[in-house]
N, C-alpha and C. Protein backbone atom coordinates (compact mmCIF):
# COMPACT_ATOMS: atom_id res chain seq x y z
N MET A 1 85.43 118.47 104.48
CA MET A 1 85.75 116.49 104.97
C MET A 1 86.26 117.01 106.72
N GLU A 2 85.30 116.41 107.48
CA GLU A 2 86.24 116.14 109.48
C GLU A 2 86.23 115.16 108.73
N VAL A 3 87.94 114.86 109.64
CA VAL A 3 88.50 113.58 110.12
C VAL A 3 88.30 113.38 111.35
N LEU A 4 88.24 112.59 112.41
CA LEU A 4 87.71 112.75 113.34
C LEU A 4 88.59 111.28 113.40
N THR A 5 89.76 111.21 114.75
CA THR A 5 90.26 109.77 115.06
C THR A 5 89.37 109.10 116.43
N ARG A 6 88.46 108.44 116.48
CA ARG A 6 87.57 107.54 117.37
C ARG A 6 88.38 106.57 118.06
N ASP A 7 89.34 106.62 118.46
CA ASP A 7 90.17 105.21 119.08
C ASP A 7 89.64 105.06 120.66
N ASP A 8 88.99 106.04 121.08
CA ASP A 8 88.08 105.87 122.33
C ASP A 8 86.79 104.88 122.17
N VAL A 9 86.36 105.04 121.20
CA VAL A 9 85.19 104.40 120.56
C VAL A 9 85.70 102.31 120.10
N ALA A 10 86.98 102.23 119.25
CA ALA A 10 87.35 101.72 118.77
C ALA A 10 88.75 101.65 118.36
N PRO A 11 89.75 100.69 118.24
CA PRO A 11 91.07 100.91 118.58
C PRO A 11 91.14 101.12 116.91
N GLY A 12 92.28 102.63 115.99
CA GLY A 12 91.75 102.39 114.79
C GLY A 12 90.82 102.76 113.77
N ARG A 13 89.87 103.72 114.60
CA ARG A 13 88.16 104.15 114.36
C ARG A 13 88.38 105.32 113.98
N VAL A 14 88.08 105.71 112.63
CA VAL A 14 88.00 107.45 111.61
C VAL A 14 86.87 107.76 111.48
N GLU A 15 86.54 108.58 111.88
CA GLU A 15 84.95 109.23 111.50
C GLU A 15 85.51 110.27 110.33
N LEU A 16 84.01 109.63 109.40
CA LEU A 16 84.19 111.05 108.78
C LEU A 16 83.32 111.65 108.34
N ARG A 17 83.32 113.23 108.05
CA ARG A 17 81.67 114.02 107.93
C ARG A 17 81.93 114.54 107.00
N GLY A 18 80.78 114.86 105.81
CA GLY A 18 80.75 115.80 105.38
C GLY A 18 81.14 115.09 103.96
N SER A 19 81.16 116.00 102.47
CA SER A 19 80.97 115.81 101.68
C SER A 19 82.07 114.76 100.64
N MET A 20 82.25 113.65 100.98
CA MET A 20 83.29 112.95 100.17
C MET A 20 83.67 113.42 98.85
N ASP A 21 83.82 114.33 98.30
CA ASP A 21 84.28 114.51 96.95
C ASP A 21 85.40 114.97 96.39
N ILE A 22 85.19 115.38 94.92
CA ILE A 22 86.58 115.74 93.58
C ILE A 22 86.99 116.53 94.57
N TYR A 23 86.25 117.93 95.81
CA TYR A 23 86.89 119.04 96.07
C TYR A 23 87.85 118.53 97.96
N ALA A 24 87.48 117.38 97.94
CA ALA A 24 87.61 116.97 99.89
C ALA A 24 88.84 115.66 99.33
N ALA A 25 88.79 115.32 98.17
CA ALA A 25 89.54 113.82 97.53
C ALA A 25 91.49 114.61 97.82
N ALA A 26 91.83 114.72 97.66
CA ALA A 26 93.09 114.71 97.48
C ALA A 26 93.85 114.90 98.96
N GLU A 27 93.20 116.15 99.78
CA GLU A 27 93.41 116.39 101.02
C GLU A 27 92.98 115.05 101.97
N LEU A 28 91.82 114.75 101.60
CA LEU A 28 91.73 113.53 102.49
C LEU A 28 92.11 112.55 102.51
N HIS A 29 92.76 111.45 101.18
CA HIS A 29 93.94 110.97 100.54
C HIS A 29 94.44 111.52 101.37
N GLN A 30 95.60 111.91 101.37
CA GLN A 30 96.41 112.02 102.55
C GLN A 30 96.50 112.25 103.18
N GLN A 31 95.56 112.07 104.41
CA GLN A 31 95.21 112.27 105.70
C GLN A 31 94.56 110.68 105.59
N LEU A 32 94.43 110.30 104.81
CA LEU A 32 94.13 108.27 105.29
C LEU A 32 95.46 107.91 105.29
N LEU A 33 96.24 107.81 104.31
CA LEU A 33 97.42 107.41 104.15
C LEU A 33 98.10 107.87 105.48
N ASP A 34 98.13 108.74 105.57
CA ASP A 34 98.92 109.43 107.07
C ASP A 34 98.81 108.32 108.10
N LEU A 35 97.32 108.30 108.49
CA LEU A 35 96.91 107.51 109.21
C LEU A 35 96.43 106.00 109.14
N LEU A 36 96.78 105.27 108.27
CA LEU A 36 97.54 104.11 107.94
C LEU A 36 98.21 103.82 108.45
N SER A 37 99.94 104.95 107.86
CA SER A 37 101.04 104.41 108.21
C SER A 37 101.01 104.34 109.62
N THR A 38 99.81 104.54 110.39
CA THR A 38 100.43 104.67 112.07
C THR A 38 99.67 103.69 112.36
N ARG A 39 98.91 102.38 111.78
CA ARG A 39 97.71 102.09 112.64
C ARG A 39 97.70 101.04 111.78
N GLN A 40 98.50 99.56 112.24
CA GLN A 40 97.91 98.31 111.62
C GLN A 40 96.46 98.10 111.00
N ARG A 41 95.63 98.44 111.58
CA ARG A 41 94.37 98.71 111.40
C ARG A 41 94.05 99.44 111.62
N LEU A 42 92.86 99.89 109.88
CA LEU A 42 92.30 101.49 110.32
C LEU A 42 90.48 101.00 109.69
N GLU A 43 89.71 101.44 110.52
CA GLU A 43 88.07 101.26 110.06
C GLU A 43 88.14 102.84 109.75
N LEU A 44 87.01 102.98 108.77
CA LEU A 44 86.79 104.03 108.16
C LEU A 44 84.95 104.24 108.51
N ASP A 45 84.18 105.22 109.60
CA ASP A 45 83.47 104.90 110.36
C ASP A 45 82.66 106.14 109.02
N LEU A 46 81.88 105.93 107.96
CA LEU A 46 81.55 106.16 107.07
C LEU A 46 79.91 106.58 107.29
N SER A 47 79.45 106.97 108.58
CA SER A 47 77.67 107.67 108.98
C SER A 47 77.76 108.93 108.94
N GLY A 48 78.67 109.50 109.13
CA GLY A 48 78.85 111.19 108.44
C GLY A 48 79.28 111.52 107.42
N VAL A 49 79.27 110.39 106.44
CA VAL A 49 79.51 111.33 105.25
C VAL A 49 77.78 110.97 104.32
N ASP A 50 77.59 112.49 103.96
CA ASP A 50 76.70 113.20 103.49
C ASP A 50 76.55 112.81 101.86
N GLU A 51 77.41 112.68 101.40
CA GLU A 51 77.49 112.59 99.81
C GLU A 51 78.55 112.24 99.59
N ILE A 52 78.60 111.56 98.30
CA ILE A 52 80.06 110.63 97.81
C ILE A 52 79.55 110.83 96.14
N ASP A 53 80.73 111.15 95.83
CA ASP A 53 80.87 111.03 94.13
C ASP A 53 82.15 109.74 93.77
N THR A 54 82.21 109.80 92.66
CA THR A 54 83.15 109.04 92.35
C THR A 54 84.33 109.59 92.41
N SER A 55 85.05 110.36 92.75
CA SER A 55 86.15 111.28 93.68
C SER A 55 86.26 110.17 94.90
N GLY A 56 85.55 109.99 95.64
CA GLY A 56 85.26 109.57 97.23
C GLY A 56 85.48 108.09 96.78
N VAL A 57 84.65 107.46 95.78
CA VAL A 57 84.78 105.95 95.79
C VAL A 57 85.99 105.39 95.25
N GLN A 58 86.71 106.35 94.27
CA GLN A 58 87.97 106.31 94.21
C GLN A 58 88.99 106.38 94.92
N LEU A 59 88.60 107.28 95.94
CA LEU A 59 89.32 107.25 96.98
C LEU A 59 89.66 106.02 98.56
N LEU A 60 88.10 105.83 98.57
CA LEU A 60 88.25 104.74 99.08
C LEU A 60 88.74 103.37 98.61
N MET A 61 88.47 102.72 97.65
CA MET A 61 89.67 101.91 96.67
C MET A 61 91.09 101.90 96.74
N SER A 62 91.54 103.49 96.50
CA SER A 62 92.84 103.63 96.79
C SER A 62 93.81 103.22 97.83
N THR A 63 92.53 103.53 98.88
CA THR A 63 93.37 103.36 99.81
C THR A 63 93.13 102.04 101.15
N LYS A 64 91.96 101.25 100.12
CA LYS A 64 92.36 99.89 100.74
C LYS A 64 93.13 99.24 99.91
N ARG A 65 93.71 99.46 98.20
CA ARG A 65 94.43 99.12 98.13
C ARG A 65 96.22 99.38 98.95
N ALA A 66 96.22 100.49 99.46
CA ALA A 66 97.50 100.89 99.41
C ALA A 66 97.42 99.96 101.40
N ALA A 67 96.67 99.78 101.91
CA ALA A 67 95.93 98.96 103.18
C ALA A 67 96.99 97.60 102.76
N ALA A 68 96.27 97.23 101.33
CA ALA A 68 96.35 95.99 101.41
C ALA A 68 98.06 95.42 100.88
N ALA A 69 98.62 96.63 100.61
CA ALA A 69 100.33 96.53 99.88
C ALA A 69 101.16 96.79 100.70
N GLN A 70 100.77 97.14 102.05
CA GLN A 70 101.14 97.63 103.39
C GLN A 70 101.30 96.67 104.23
N GLY A 71 100.13 95.41 103.99
CA GLY A 71 99.72 94.49 104.85
C GLY A 71 98.98 95.12 105.91
N ARG A 72 98.26 95.76 106.00
CA ARG A 72 97.69 96.59 107.04
C ARG A 72 95.71 96.60 106.66
N ALA A 73 95.01 96.12 107.56
CA ALA A 73 93.67 96.00 107.28
C ALA A 73 92.71 97.51 107.50
N LEU A 74 92.11 97.40 106.21
CA LEU A 74 91.37 98.99 106.41
C LEU A 74 89.75 98.01 106.09
N SER A 75 88.64 98.76 107.20
CA SER A 75 87.23 98.17 106.69
C SER A 75 86.56 99.39 106.74
N LEU A 76 84.93 99.36 106.69
CA LEU A 76 84.54 100.59 106.06
C LEU A 76 83.05 99.64 107.03
N VAL A 77 82.89 101.04 107.72
CA VAL A 77 81.65 100.51 109.26
C VAL A 77 80.61 101.44 108.94
N ALA A 78 79.29 101.40 108.95
CA ALA A 78 78.36 102.22 109.60
C ALA A 78 78.07 103.11 108.21
N HIS A 79 77.96 102.76 107.33
CA HIS A 79 77.62 102.81 105.79
C HIS A 79 76.49 104.24 105.41
N SER A 80 77.04 105.44 105.44
CA SER A 80 75.58 106.40 105.28
C SER A 80 74.64 105.49 104.43
N PRO A 81 73.47 106.20 104.16
CA PRO A 81 72.71 105.75 102.92
C PRO A 81 73.16 106.42 101.35
N GLY A 82 73.27 107.56 101.56
CA GLY A 82 74.26 107.89 100.54
C GLY A 82 75.80 107.11 100.51
N VAL A 83 76.29 106.71 100.67
CA VAL A 83 77.52 105.89 100.71
C VAL A 83 76.94 104.38 100.10
N LEU A 84 76.08 104.24 101.03
CA LEU A 84 75.86 102.17 100.79
C LEU A 84 75.21 102.13 98.97
N GLU A 85 74.23 103.62 98.75
CA GLU A 85 73.69 103.28 97.31
C GLU A 85 75.12 103.27 96.49
N THR A 86 75.39 104.54 96.62
CA THR A 86 76.64 104.41 95.50
C THR A 86 77.23 103.21 95.58
N LEU A 87 77.25 103.00 96.13
CA LEU A 87 78.49 101.55 96.47
C LEU A 87 77.84 100.63 95.95
N GLU A 88 76.78 100.19 95.90
CA GLU A 88 75.77 99.27 95.69
C GLU A 88 75.33 100.25 93.82
N LEU A 89 75.17 101.21 93.66
CA LEU A 89 75.57 101.46 91.93
C LEU A 89 76.66 101.04 91.15
N CYS A 90 77.86 101.10 92.03
CA CYS A 90 78.97 100.98 91.17
C CYS A 90 79.06 99.43 91.44
N GLN A 91 78.51 98.65 92.05
CA GLN A 91 79.07 97.01 92.58
C GLN A 91 80.31 97.19 92.92
N LEU A 92 80.09 97.83 94.21
CA LEU A 92 81.56 98.09 94.67
C LEU A 92 81.55 97.17 96.34
N LEU A 93 80.04 96.82 96.81
CA LEU A 93 80.31 96.38 98.33
C LEU A 93 80.99 95.12 98.57
N GLY A 94 81.18 94.47 97.25
CA GLY A 94 82.12 93.38 97.50
C GLY A 94 83.20 93.61 97.48
N PHE A 95 83.74 94.32 97.03
CA PHE A 95 85.46 94.85 96.16
C PHE A 95 85.70 95.33 97.86
N PHE A 96 84.90 95.74 98.71
CA PHE A 96 85.41 95.78 100.15
C PHE A 96 85.28 95.11 101.29
N GLY A 97 84.19 94.44 101.18
CA GLY A 97 84.05 92.89 102.04
C GLY A 97 83.69 93.48 103.39
N ASP A 98 83.48 93.99 103.30
CA ASP A 98 82.63 94.47 104.96
C ASP A 98 81.13 94.37 104.82
N PRO A 99 80.88 94.04 105.94
CA PRO A 99 79.54 93.02 106.45
C PRO A 99 78.82 94.85 106.18
N VAL A 100 77.72 94.65 105.46
CA VAL A 100 76.53 95.58 105.92
C VAL A 100 75.06 95.04 105.95
N VAL A 101 74.67 95.29 107.13
CA VAL A 101 73.13 95.27 107.76
C VAL A 101 72.56 95.45 107.12
N GLU A 102 72.43 96.55 106.04
CA GLU A 102 70.87 96.97 105.45
C GLU A 102 71.88 97.40 104.24
N THR A 103 70.81 96.63 103.11
CA THR A 103 71.18 97.05 101.72
C THR A 103 70.48 98.58 101.63
N ALA A 104 70.81 99.60 99.84
CA ALA A 104 70.29 100.08 99.74
C ALA A 104 69.00 100.39 98.96
N GLY A 105 68.54 98.75 98.17
CA GLY A 105 67.32 98.19 97.81
C GLY A 105 66.44 97.73 98.94
N ALA A 106 66.96 97.82 99.92
CA ALA A 106 65.83 97.35 101.00
C ALA A 106 64.88 98.44 101.25
N ARG A 107 65.36 99.83 101.62
CA ARG A 107 65.14 100.54 101.69
C ARG A 107 64.32 101.12 101.34
N SER A 108 62.87 101.69 101.80
CA SER A 108 61.63 102.46 100.97
C SER A 108 62.29 103.82 101.11
């Protein structure tokens, strides 16, 4: 999993690339918490996430809760098809509360 800060695109934007799975979860969790501690707002660009498993979903949920506990904002943007499909399958789009332009069920 590759983590790229993209403050040049938008303040607090972080682009994630690769697999958000059990193998990347522990390291990625610490990276996201470190980034969250230095920013009032963190925006996770998920367009480069090619696959996500339940560990990845738990990681996103944990990071969202940590942000709320610290009084910081976390949002998910540019959901990849795999992320979108998984969040819909787990019925978690509402948990994150981020606007999604296209739903997985609307794709052919």
